[in-house]
Amino acid sequence: MDTILQDVFLLLQCSKNDEKLFYISTKSTNALGLTLMINDTTNTLFHLAFPIHDFDLAKRFYLEQLGCKLGRESEHALIFQFGNHQIVAHKIDTLLPMQQGIYPRHFGLIFLEKAEFDAFVHHLTKQQMQFEVPLKTRFPQSKIEHQSFFIKDPSNNLLEFKYYTHASAIFGEQELKRIGES
């Protein structure tokens, strides 16, 4: 069997067994003619663009305090490695007003290992980082129990960091309707 056809057959066979859908497109979107939906691939990184008003303050916060790595930079934007993801800080002229509360806008990371989460909390505490919302356990003794805290960057962007006791709560447990502070 032709290698490309064999690859398509194997992909389709795996997708059927795993109950994932790979669609054959009538318009070839790649060499195999496959159209993949976002959740059908694991070779992706998350990208987020957000506003900052001061490059020096942003670098100090994201590099020195959080431990991000700096990627490219221009006079208009800074790229940071945030966990294994790309965040891009775009320069704005004035400081954003602080939003009332933690919703609707914030971003952050979910730690998959409790020891890493605890080490990060210890790192921030040692630096005397001010927590906008202190470390707390949400929905204790439930399938969606998690520890969470919020911090604020120098441009009033809120960041949340959390660890779920049960990994199934990250995308699952749909029967439980509680999200956020509800």
N, C-alpha and C. Protein backbone atom coordinates (compact mmCIF):
# COMPACT_ATOMS: atom_id res chain seq x y z
N MET A 1 0.85 -1.19 0.00
CA MET A 1 0.00 0.00 0.00
C MET A 1 0.89 1.24 0.00
N ASP A 2 0.52 2.24 -0.76
CA ASP A 2 1.25 3.50 -0.81
C ASP A 2 1.38 4.06 0.62
N THR A 3 2.56 4.62 0.94
CA THR A 3 2.83 5.10 2.30
C THR A 3 1.82 6.14 2.76
N ILE A 4 1.49 7.10 1.90
CA ILE A 4 0.51 8.12 2.29
C ILE A 4 -0.85 7.50 2.53
N LEU A 5 -1.28 6.59 1.65
CA LEU A 5 -2.57 5.93 1.85
C LEU A 5 -2.56 5.08 3.12
N GLN A 6 -1.42 4.42 3.37
CA GLN A 6 -1.30 3.62 4.59
C GLN A 6 -1.42 4.51 5.83
N ASP A 7 -0.78 5.68 5.79
CA ASP A 7 -0.87 6.62 6.91
C ASP A 7 -2.31 7.08 7.12
N VAL A 8 -3.02 7.37 6.02
CA VAL A 8 -4.41 7.79 6.12
C VAL A 8 -5.24 6.66 6.71
N PHE A 9 -5.03 5.44 6.23
CA PHE A 9 -5.77 4.29 6.75
C PHE A 9 -5.53 4.12 8.25
N LEU A 10 -4.26 4.21 8.67
CA LEU A 10 -3.94 4.06 10.09
C LEU A 10 -4.56 5.17 10.92
N LEU A 11 -4.52 6.40 10.40
CA LEU A 11 -5.15 7.50 11.13
C LEU A 11 -6.65 7.26 11.29
N LEU A 12 -7.28 6.84 10.20
CA LEU A 12 -8.72 6.61 10.27
C LEU A 12 -9.04 5.43 11.17
N GLN A 13 -8.21 4.40 11.11
CA GLN A 13 -8.42 3.24 11.96
C GLN A 13 -8.27 3.62 13.43
N CYS A 14 -7.22 4.37 13.76
CA CYS A 14 -7.01 4.81 15.14
C CYS A 14 -8.14 5.72 15.59
N SER A 15 -8.58 6.60 14.70
CA SER A 15 -9.62 7.54 15.11
C SER A 15 -10.92 6.80 15.40
N LYS A 16 -11.20 5.74 14.66
CA LYS A 16 -12.42 4.98 14.91
C LYS A 16 -12.33 4.26 16.26
N ASN A 17 -11.17 3.66 16.54
CA ASN A 17 -10.99 2.95 17.81
C ASN A 17 -11.02 3.90 18.99
N ASP A 18 -10.47 5.09 18.83
CA ASP A 18 -10.43 6.07 19.92
C ASP A 18 -11.67 6.95 19.95
N GLU A 19 -12.60 6.70 19.04
CA GLU A 19 -13.82 7.48 18.91
C GLU A 19 -13.56 8.96 18.67
N LYS A 20 -12.50 9.24 17.92
CA LYS A 20 -12.23 10.61 17.49
C LYS A 20 -12.58 10.69 16.02
N LEU A 21 -12.94 11.87 15.57
CA LEU A 21 -13.32 12.02 14.17
C LEU A 21 -12.24 12.77 13.41
N PHE A 22 -11.76 12.16 12.35
CA PHE A 22 -10.88 12.83 11.40
C PHE A 22 -11.69 12.89 10.10
N TYR A 23 -11.79 14.04 9.53
CA TYR A 23 -12.61 14.21 8.35
C TYR A 23 -11.75 14.26 7.10
N ILE A 24 -12.15 13.52 6.08
CA ILE A 24 -11.50 13.63 4.78
C ILE A 24 -12.16 14.80 4.07
N SER A 25 -11.35 15.75 3.67
CA SER A 25 -11.87 16.95 3.04
C SER A 25 -11.87 16.79 1.53
N THR A 26 -12.89 17.31 0.88
CA THR A 26 -12.89 17.30 -0.58
C THR A 26 -11.91 18.34 -1.11
N LYS A 27 -11.61 19.33 -0.30
CA LYS A 27 -10.58 20.31 -0.64
C LYS A 27 -9.37 19.96 0.20
N SER A 28 -8.28 19.56 -0.42
CA SER A 28 -7.11 19.16 0.34
C SER A 28 -6.60 20.32 1.17
N THR A 29 -6.52 20.12 2.46
CA THR A 29 -6.00 21.15 3.35
C THR A 29 -4.57 20.87 3.75
N ASN A 30 -4.10 19.64 3.48
CA ASN A 30 -2.69 19.30 3.69
C ASN A 30 -2.33 18.14 2.78
N ALA A 31 -1.12 17.64 2.89
CA ALA A 31 -0.65 16.59 1.98
C ALA A 31 -1.50 15.33 2.05
N LEU A 32 -2.08 15.04 3.18
CA LEU A 32 -2.90 13.83 3.32
C LEU A 32 -4.36 14.08 2.99
N GLY A 33 -4.73 15.33 2.78
CA GLY A 33 -6.12 15.63 2.50
C GLY A 33 -6.99 15.57 3.74
N LEU A 34 -6.39 15.68 4.91
CA LEU A 34 -7.16 15.60 6.16
C LEU A 34 -7.47 16.98 6.70
N THR A 35 -8.64 17.13 7.23
CA THR A 35 -9.01 18.33 7.96
C THR A 35 -9.12 17.93 9.42
N LEU A 36 -8.32 18.52 10.26
CA LEU A 36 -8.34 18.17 11.68
C LEU A 36 -9.05 19.26 12.46
N MET A 37 -9.83 18.85 13.43
CA MET A 37 -10.44 19.79 14.34
C MET A 37 -9.43 20.09 15.44
N ILE A 38 -9.56 21.20 16.14
CA ILE A 38 -8.60 21.64 17.15
C ILE A 38 -8.27 20.53 18.15
N ASN A 39 -9.26 19.85 18.68
CA ASN A 39 -9.00 18.85 19.72
C ASN A 39 -8.53 17.51 19.18
N ASP A 40 -8.36 17.40 17.86
CA ASP A 40 -7.87 16.15 17.27
C ASP A 40 -6.36 16.07 17.25
N THR A 41 -5.67 17.12 17.65
CA THR A 41 -4.22 17.12 17.59
C THR A 41 -3.63 17.51 18.94
N THR A 42 -2.48 16.94 19.24
CA THR A 42 -1.79 17.30 20.48
C THR A 42 -0.54 18.12 20.19
N ASN A 43 -0.23 18.34 18.93
CA ASN A 43 0.95 19.12 18.57
C ASN A 43 0.60 20.59 18.42
N THR A 44 0.06 21.16 19.46
CA THR A 44 -0.28 22.58 19.44
C THR A 44 0.21 23.23 20.73
N LEU A 45 0.42 24.51 20.66
CA LEU A 45 0.75 25.32 21.82
C LEU A 45 -0.29 26.42 21.93
N PHE A 46 -0.56 26.85 23.12
CA PHE A 46 -1.51 27.93 23.34
C PHE A 46 -0.80 29.26 23.13
N HIS A 47 -1.49 30.21 22.51
CA HIS A 47 -0.97 31.56 22.28
C HIS A 47 -1.98 32.54 22.85
N LEU A 48 -1.47 33.53 23.58
CA LEU A 48 -2.34 34.57 24.13
C LEU A 48 -1.67 35.92 23.95
N ALA A 49 -2.41 36.89 23.45
CA ALA A 49 -1.92 38.27 23.34
C ALA A 49 -2.64 39.08 24.41
N PHE A 50 -1.89 39.97 25.08
CA PHE A 50 -2.47 40.77 26.15
C PHE A 50 -1.76 42.11 26.22
N PRO A 51 -2.40 43.13 26.81
CA PRO A 51 -1.83 44.48 26.84
C PRO A 51 -0.91 44.71 28.03
N ILE A 52 0.16 45.46 27.79
CA ILE A 52 1.02 45.96 28.87
C ILE A 52 1.34 47.42 28.58
N HIS A 53 1.60 48.18 29.64
CA HIS A 53 1.87 49.60 29.44
C HIS A 53 3.35 49.96 29.63
N ASP A 54 4.15 49.04 30.19
CA ASP A 54 5.55 49.35 30.49
C ASP A 54 6.40 48.10 30.29
N PHE A 55 7.31 48.13 29.31
CA PHE A 55 8.15 46.96 29.02
C PHE A 55 9.04 46.57 30.18
N ASP A 56 9.67 47.55 30.82
CA ASP A 56 10.60 47.23 31.92
C ASP A 56 9.87 46.55 33.08
N LEU A 57 8.72 47.08 33.45
CA LEU A 57 7.95 46.46 34.53
C LEU A 57 7.47 45.06 34.13
N ALA A 58 7.05 44.92 32.88
CA ALA A 58 6.59 43.61 32.40
C ALA A 58 7.73 42.60 32.42
N LYS A 59 8.90 43.00 31.96
CA LYS A 59 10.05 42.09 31.98
C LYS A 59 10.40 41.68 33.41
N ARG A 60 10.43 42.64 34.30
CA ARG A 60 10.75 42.33 35.70
C ARG A 60 9.74 41.33 36.26
N PHE A 61 8.46 41.55 36.00
CA PHE A 61 7.42 40.68 36.54
C PHE A 61 7.47 39.29 35.91
N TYR A 62 7.42 39.23 34.57
CA TYR A 62 7.32 37.93 33.90
C TYR A 62 8.63 37.14 33.91
N LEU A 63 9.76 37.82 33.80
CA LEU A 63 11.04 37.12 33.79
C LEU A 63 11.56 36.84 35.20
N GLU A 64 11.69 37.88 35.99
CA GLU A 64 12.33 37.74 37.30
C GLU A 64 11.40 37.16 38.36
N GLN A 65 10.16 37.59 38.38
CA GLN A 65 9.27 37.12 39.44
C GLN A 65 8.60 35.79 39.10
N LEU A 66 8.08 35.67 37.86
CA LEU A 66 7.41 34.42 37.49
C LEU A 66 8.37 33.37 36.94
N GLY A 67 9.48 33.81 36.36
CA GLY A 67 10.43 32.84 35.81
C GLY A 67 10.16 32.46 34.37
N CYS A 68 9.42 33.29 33.64
CA CYS A 68 9.21 33.05 32.21
C CYS A 68 10.52 33.25 31.46
N LYS A 69 10.55 32.77 30.23
CA LYS A 69 11.71 33.02 29.36
C LYS A 69 11.30 34.04 28.31
N LEU A 70 12.25 34.91 27.95
CA LEU A 70 11.98 35.92 26.93
C LEU A 70 12.29 35.36 25.55
N GLY A 71 11.36 35.54 24.64
CA GLY A 71 11.57 35.19 23.25
C GLY A 71 11.96 36.45 22.50
N ARG A 72 11.36 36.66 21.35
CA ARG A 72 11.66 37.87 20.57
C ARG A 72 11.04 39.09 21.24
N GLU A 73 11.62 40.24 20.90
CA GLU A 73 11.02 41.50 21.36
C GLU A 73 11.20 42.55 20.28
N SER A 74 10.25 43.46 20.24
CA SER A 74 10.32 44.60 19.33
C SER A 74 9.93 45.83 20.13
N GLU A 75 9.82 46.96 19.45
CA GLU A 75 9.40 48.17 20.16
C GLU A 75 7.91 48.13 20.51
N HIS A 76 7.18 47.14 19.97
CA HIS A 76 5.73 47.07 20.18
C HIS A 76 5.28 45.86 21.00
N ALA A 77 6.14 44.84 21.14
CA ALA A 77 5.68 43.61 21.80
C ALA A 77 6.85 42.80 22.36
N LEU A 78 6.51 41.99 23.35
CA LEU A 78 7.45 41.05 23.97
C LEU A 78 6.82 39.66 23.91
N ILE A 79 7.60 38.66 23.55
CA ILE A 79 7.13 37.28 23.57
C ILE A 79 7.75 36.58 24.77
N PHE A 80 6.90 35.93 25.57
CA PHE A 80 7.36 35.17 26.72
C PHE A 80 6.97 33.71 26.57
N GLN A 81 7.84 32.83 27.06
CA GLN A 81 7.45 31.43 27.22
C GLN A 81 6.83 31.33 28.60
N PHE A 82 5.57 30.96 28.64
CA PHE A 82 4.76 30.90 29.86
C PHE A 82 4.37 29.45 30.05
N GLY A 83 5.09 28.74 30.92
CA GLY A 83 4.95 27.29 30.95
C GLY A 83 5.49 26.79 29.63
N ASN A 84 4.71 26.05 28.90
CA ASN A 84 5.11 25.61 27.56
C ASN A 84 4.30 26.33 26.49
N HIS A 85 3.87 27.53 26.78
CA HIS A 85 2.99 28.26 25.87
C HIS A 85 3.57 29.63 25.57
N GLN A 86 3.02 30.27 24.53
CA GLN A 86 3.51 31.58 24.10
C GLN A 86 2.50 32.65 24.50
N ILE A 87 2.98 33.62 25.25
CA ILE A 87 2.15 34.79 25.52
C ILE A 87 2.88 36.01 24.94
N VAL A 88 2.12 36.91 24.37
CA VAL A 88 2.70 38.08 23.72
C VAL A 88 2.13 39.33 24.37
N ALA A 89 3.02 40.09 24.98
CA ALA A 89 2.64 41.34 25.65
C ALA A 89 2.75 42.48 24.63
N HIS A 90 1.63 43.09 24.31
CA HIS A 90 1.59 44.18 23.34
C HIS A 90 1.53 45.52 24.07
N LYS A 91 2.36 46.44 23.64
CA LYS A 91 2.48 47.76 24.28
C LYS A 91 1.24 48.60 24.02
N ILE A 92 0.71 49.17 25.10
CA ILE A 92 -0.37 50.15 25.01
C ILE A 92 0.13 51.43 25.67
N ASP A 93 -0.54 52.53 25.40
CA ASP A 93 -0.07 53.83 25.88
C ASP A 93 -0.33 54.08 27.36
N THR A 94 -1.45 53.62 27.86
CA THR A 94 -1.81 53.93 29.24
C THR A 94 -2.16 52.67 30.02
N LEU A 95 -2.00 52.76 31.30
CA LEU A 95 -2.32 51.65 32.20
C LEU A 95 -3.80 51.32 32.12
N LEU A 96 -4.10 50.04 32.01
CA LEU A 96 -5.49 49.60 32.02
C LEU A 96 -6.10 49.85 33.40
N PRO A 97 -7.36 50.25 33.46
CA PRO A 97 -8.00 50.34 34.77
C PRO A 97 -8.18 48.92 35.32
N MET A 98 -8.12 48.80 36.62
CA MET A 98 -8.31 47.50 37.26
C MET A 98 -9.77 47.10 37.14
N GLN A 99 -10.04 45.88 36.68
CA GLN A 99 -11.42 45.42 36.58
C GLN A 99 -11.96 45.13 37.98
N GLN A 100 -13.26 45.17 38.11
CA GLN A 100 -13.91 44.89 39.40
C GLN A 100 -14.01 43.38 39.56
N GLY A 101 -13.17 42.80 40.38
CA GLY A 101 -13.20 41.36 40.60
C GLY A 101 -12.33 40.60 39.61
N ILE A 102 -12.36 39.29 39.71
CA ILE A 102 -11.50 38.44 38.88
C ILE A 102 -12.14 38.04 37.55
N TYR A 103 -13.43 38.31 37.39
CA TYR A 103 -14.11 37.97 36.15
C TYR A 103 -14.50 39.24 35.43
N PRO A 104 -14.53 39.24 34.13
CA PRO A 104 -14.48 38.09 33.25
C PRO A 104 -13.08 37.77 32.72
N ARG A 105 -12.10 38.65 32.90
CA ARG A 105 -10.85 38.50 32.16
C ARG A 105 -9.68 38.16 33.08
N HIS A 106 -9.10 37.00 32.82
CA HIS A 106 -7.84 36.61 33.44
C HIS A 106 -7.26 35.43 32.65
N PHE A 107 -6.00 35.13 32.88
CA PHE A 107 -5.39 33.96 32.26
C PHE A 107 -4.41 33.37 33.25
N GLY A 108 -3.91 32.18 32.96
CA GLY A 108 -2.98 31.55 33.88
C GLY A 108 -2.60 30.16 33.46
N LEU A 109 -2.17 29.38 34.44
CA LEU A 109 -1.72 28.01 34.19
C LEU A 109 -2.39 27.06 35.17
N ILE A 110 -2.60 25.84 34.69
CA ILE A 110 -3.04 24.74 35.54
C ILE A 110 -1.84 23.82 35.71
N PHE A 111 -1.43 23.61 36.93
CA PHE A 111 -0.32 22.70 37.22
C PHE A 111 -0.86 21.28 37.25
N LEU A 112 -0.13 20.36 36.64
CA LEU A 112 -0.54 18.96 36.62
C LEU A 112 0.07 18.17 37.77
N GLU A 113 1.11 18.73 38.38
CA GLU A 113 1.79 18.07 39.49
C GLU A 113 1.67 18.94 40.74
N LYS A 114 1.20 18.35 41.82
CA LYS A 114 1.02 19.08 43.09
C LYS A 114 2.34 19.64 43.60
N ALA A 115 3.41 18.86 43.50
CA ALA A 115 4.72 19.32 44.00
C ALA A 115 5.19 20.56 43.26
N GLU A 116 4.94 20.63 41.95
CA GLU A 116 5.33 21.81 41.17
C GLU A 116 4.49 23.02 41.56
N PHE A 117 3.21 22.81 41.78
CA PHE A 117 2.33 23.90 42.22
C PHE A 117 2.80 24.43 43.57
N ASP A 118 3.05 23.53 44.50
CA ASP A 118 3.51 23.94 45.84
C ASP A 118 4.84 24.68 45.77
N ALA A 119 5.75 24.22 44.91
CA ALA A 119 7.05 24.89 44.76
C ALA A 119 6.87 26.29 44.19
N PHE A 120 5.94 26.45 43.25
CA PHE A 120 5.68 27.77 42.65
C PHE A 120 5.07 28.71 43.70
N VAL A 121 4.13 28.23 44.47
CA VAL A 121 3.54 29.04 45.55
C VAL A 121 4.64 29.47 46.52
N HIS A 122 5.51 28.54 46.88
CA HIS A 122 6.62 28.85 47.80
C HIS A 122 7.53 29.91 47.19
N HIS A 123 7.84 29.77 45.90
CA HIS A 123 8.69 30.74 45.20
C HIS A 123 8.09 32.14 45.26
N LEU A 124 6.80 32.26 44.96
CA LEU A 124 6.14 33.58 44.98
C LEU A 124 6.04 34.14 46.39
N THR A 125 5.76 33.29 47.35
CA THR A 125 5.68 33.73 48.75
C THR A 125 7.03 34.23 49.23
N LYS A 126 8.08 33.51 48.87
CA LYS A 126 9.44 33.91 49.25
C LYS A 126 9.80 35.28 48.67
N GLN A 127 9.27 35.58 47.48
CA GLN A 127 9.50 36.88 46.84
C GLN A 127 8.56 37.96 47.37
N GLN A 128 7.71 37.60 48.29
CA GLN A 128 6.72 38.51 48.87
C GLN A 128 5.76 39.06 47.80
N MET A 129 5.40 38.18 46.87
CA MET A 129 4.41 38.53 45.84
C MET A 129 3.07 38.79 46.52
N GLN A 130 2.41 39.87 46.12
CA GLN A 130 1.09 40.17 46.65
C GLN A 130 0.06 39.35 45.89
N PHE A 131 -0.75 38.59 46.59
CA PHE A 131 -1.79 37.79 45.97
C PHE A 131 -3.08 38.61 45.95
N GLU A 132 -3.65 38.80 44.77
CA GLU A 132 -4.93 39.51 44.65
C GLU A 132 -6.04 38.70 45.30
N VAL A 133 -6.02 37.40 45.06
CA VAL A 133 -6.91 36.46 45.74
C VAL A 133 -5.99 35.42 46.36
N PRO A 134 -5.98 35.32 47.68
CA PRO A 134 -5.06 34.39 48.34
C PRO A 134 -5.31 32.93 47.96
N LEU A 135 -4.30 32.13 48.15
CA LEU A 135 -4.40 30.69 47.91
C LEU A 135 -5.56 30.12 48.73
N LYS A 136 -6.43 29.40 48.03
CA LYS A 136 -7.56 28.77 48.72
C LYS A 136 -7.97 27.51 47.99
N THR A 137 -8.73 26.69 48.67
CA THR A 137 -9.27 25.48 48.06
C THR A 137 -10.71 25.75 47.67
N ARG A 138 -10.99 25.55 46.40
CA ARG A 138 -12.36 25.71 45.90
C ARG A 138 -13.03 24.34 45.81
N PHE A 139 -14.29 24.30 46.10
CA PHE A 139 -15.12 23.09 46.02
C PHE A 139 -14.49 21.90 46.75
N PRO A 140 -14.12 22.09 48.03
CA PRO A 140 -13.45 21.02 48.77
C PRO A 140 -14.27 19.74 48.84
N GLN A 141 -13.55 18.63 48.86
CA GLN A 141 -14.12 17.29 48.98
C GLN A 141 -15.11 16.98 47.86
N SER A 142 -14.83 17.50 46.67
CA SER A 142 -15.65 17.17 45.50
C SER A 142 -14.71 16.76 44.37
N LYS A 143 -15.29 16.26 43.28
CA LYS A 143 -14.48 15.86 42.13
C LYS A 143 -13.82 17.05 41.43
N ILE A 144 -14.30 18.27 41.71
CA ILE A 144 -13.72 19.45 41.08
C ILE A 144 -12.90 20.29 42.06
N GLU A 145 -12.52 19.69 43.17
CA GLU A 145 -11.69 20.39 44.15
C GLU A 145 -10.39 20.86 43.51
N HIS A 146 -10.05 22.10 43.78
CA HIS A 146 -8.76 22.61 43.30
C HIS A 146 -8.28 23.75 44.18
N GLN A 147 -6.96 23.92 44.17
CA GLN A 147 -6.34 25.04 44.85
C GLN A 147 -6.09 26.11 43.81
N SER A 148 -6.26 27.36 44.21
CA SER A 148 -6.18 28.45 43.24
C SER A 148 -5.77 29.74 43.94
N PHE A 149 -5.06 30.59 43.20
CA PHE A 149 -4.78 31.94 43.67
C PHE A 149 -4.61 32.85 42.46
N PHE A 150 -4.76 34.14 42.68
CA PHE A 150 -4.63 35.15 41.63
C PHE A 150 -3.55 36.15 42.02
N ILE A 151 -2.80 36.57 41.01
CA ILE A 151 -1.86 37.69 41.17
C ILE A 151 -2.14 38.69 40.05
N LYS A 152 -1.57 39.88 40.18
CA LYS A 152 -1.80 40.94 39.19
C LYS A 152 -0.45 41.39 38.66
N ASP A 153 -0.35 41.53 37.34
CA ASP A 153 0.89 42.05 36.77
C ASP A 153 0.88 43.58 36.84
N PRO A 154 1.99 44.26 36.50
CA PRO A 154 2.05 45.72 36.61
C PRO A 154 1.08 46.48 35.70
N SER A 155 0.47 45.79 34.72
CA SER A 155 -0.50 46.45 33.83
C SER A 155 -1.93 46.07 34.18
N ASN A 156 -2.14 45.57 35.39
CA ASN A 156 -3.46 45.19 35.90
C ASN A 156 -4.08 43.97 35.22
N ASN A 157 -3.25 43.13 34.60
CA ASN A 157 -3.73 41.85 34.08
C ASN A 157 -3.74 40.85 35.23
N LEU A 158 -4.84 40.13 35.37
CA LEU A 158 -4.94 39.13 36.42
C LEU A 158 -4.51 37.77 35.91
N LEU A 159 -3.75 37.07 36.72
CA LEU A 159 -3.27 35.73 36.39
C LEU A 159 -3.73 34.77 37.48
N GLU A 160 -4.25 33.63 37.05
CA GLU A 160 -4.68 32.60 38.00
C GLU A 160 -3.79 31.37 37.82
N PHE A 161 -3.42 30.78 38.93
CA PHE A 161 -2.64 29.54 38.93
C PHE A 161 -3.39 28.55 39.79
N LYS A 162 -3.50 27.31 39.29
CA LYS A 162 -4.29 26.34 40.05
C LYS A 162 -3.79 24.92 39.85
N TYR A 163 -4.23 24.08 40.77
CA TYR A 163 -3.95 22.65 40.73
C TYR A 163 -5.22 21.91 41.12
N TYR A 164 -5.66 20.99 40.24
CA TYR A 164 -6.85 20.19 40.51
C TYR A 164 -6.46 18.90 41.23
N THR A 165 -7.17 18.59 42.30
CA THR A 165 -6.93 17.35 43.03
C THR A 165 -7.18 16.15 42.13
N HIS A 166 -8.20 16.24 41.30
CA HIS A 166 -8.55 15.17 40.36
C HIS A 166 -8.39 15.71 38.94
N ALA A 167 -7.47 15.15 38.18
CA ALA A 167 -7.20 15.64 36.82
C ALA A 167 -8.45 15.60 35.94
N SER A 168 -9.38 14.72 36.24
CA SER A 168 -10.60 14.62 35.44
C SER A 168 -11.41 15.91 35.46
N ALA A 169 -11.18 16.76 36.45
CA ALA A 169 -11.95 18.01 36.56
C ALA A 169 -11.49 19.07 35.57
N ILE A 170 -10.31 18.91 34.99
CA ILE A 170 -9.79 19.94 34.08
C ILE A 170 -10.73 20.13 32.89
N PHE A 171 -11.16 19.04 32.27
CA PHE A 171 -12.07 19.13 31.13
C PHE A 171 -13.34 18.31 31.33
N GLY A 172 -13.38 17.50 32.35
CA GLY A 172 -14.50 16.59 32.54
C GLY A 172 -15.41 17.01 33.66
N GLU A 173 -16.07 16.01 34.22
CA GLU A 173 -17.03 16.20 35.33
C GLU A 173 -18.14 17.16 34.92
N GLN A 174 -18.64 17.00 33.69
CA GLN A 174 -19.66 17.91 33.15
C GLN A 174 -20.94 17.93 33.97
N GLU A 175 -21.20 16.85 34.70
CA GLU A 175 -22.44 16.81 35.50
C GLU A 175 -22.39 17.81 36.65
N LEU A 176 -21.19 18.24 37.02
CA LEU A 176 -21.03 19.23 38.08
C LEU A 176 -21.00 20.61 37.43
N LYS A 177 -21.94 21.44 37.74
CA LYS A 177 -22.13 22.72 37.03
C LYS A 177 -21.43 23.90 37.69
N ARG A 178 -20.63 23.66 38.72
CA ARG A 178 -20.00 24.77 39.43
C ARG A 178 -18.71 25.17 38.73
N ILE A 179 -18.59 26.45 38.45
CA ILE A 179 -17.41 27.02 37.80
C ILE A 179 -17.09 28.33 38.50
N GLY A 180 -15.81 28.58 38.70
CA GLY A 180 -15.42 29.85 39.31
C GLY A 180 -15.84 29.94 40.76
N GLU A 181 -16.49 31.02 41.11
CA GLU A 181 -16.91 31.25 42.50
C GLU A 181 -18.31 30.73 42.78
N SER A 182 -18.94 30.11 41.79
CA SER A 182 -20.34 29.67 41.98
C SER A 182 -20.44 28.39 42.78
